[in-house]
Structures are given as structure tokens and as C-alpha cells.
Amino acid sequence: MIEVELKAIVNDVQKIKKILESFAEVERPYQKKDIYFKKDDFIVRLREDIENIVTFKKKVIEDGVEVSEENEFVVGDPTVFIKFLHLSGFKEYYHKNKNGCSYKYDELTFDLSLVNNLGWYLEIEKLVGKKDDIENAKKQIMKMLKRVGLENNIESRTYEQLILNTK
């Protein structure tokens, strides 16, 4: 699957919650704990959520919109997987914690999250099956960003850049 995603800085969380709840369905609250591992230029994420999910992706960011070819699988015992990564030469790179709530509307996912000590963000995401659908997904996401009033708050830096304070 191809993930098309954009994030925006949220200054008034209650206002954005109210707007989201006016049209989107609450999917679930969450606490996502991520550990990122790196070897050379390859990054792997281990997420503790409902399940322990390993993700690796190839991503490109254009105009603040991230387009990723995402690959995921579930691991039963994260400590064994971490040991495997270390034995394979991966080093722990950084941690990210996201606490918030997920909303659904028209094949889009909205994650309103407090991320580490960085503040609140709204991520709008759509999964598409083929590259031909990417531009349409970007348009849908931008339309929804305007609907929630955050079109001027796009954060084009990755969480990696924000957390590690890099460009």
C-alpha cells in the first residue's frame, strides 16, 4: 500500500476536536510508543500499540505531503525482535510517543496527537493501492485540511527531524 499523509501543527486542540467530531467518526484513543532503529540509511520502526508492529518505508515529501510505500508486519515478542535488530547491526536511533485519538471520514484517517514534548499535531492520511491515485489523495487531504482550518499550519519536517532537531 501507498500512504499519503500530511501533518499540521495544532494550537487549539479543543477547537480541532470539536470540528473533527462534527463530521468524522471517532475510531479510538491511542498511546503509540515507537522505537526507531537505524543501520546506514535504513530505518525500521517498532510500534507498541494494539499489537507490536514493525514498519519500514520508502518515503518522499513534496509540498509538505509525505508519500510512502509502507511495509508492515506484526511481531509477537518485541524483545526478541529488538535483539534480532541489534545482532543485525541496527542501532537504536530515537523514540517517539504519540498520545491522542483517531477519527475516520471518507477513507481518510485523522490522528490528533500529542507527540513527545513537541506539541499537538493533526495527521491526515489516505492509503491508496496504486501510484495513479496519489494526486487525488493529496487533493482530498488538502481539502480536509482546509475544512479543519489548518491549511496555514502545515509541518513539512518529519518527526525524525523535529525530535532530533535536524533539517
Foldseek 3Di string as FASTA:
>chain_A
DKKKKFKFADDDLVLLVVLCVVAWAWDWWWKKKWWWKDDDHWIWIFIDIVFTKIKGWDWDFDPRMIIIPMDMDTDHDVVVVVVVCVVVPIDTDDMKIWTFTWIDDDQKIWTWTQIDPPHTMIMIMHDDDDPVCNVVRVVVVCVVCVSSPRNVGTDSDDVSCVVVVHD
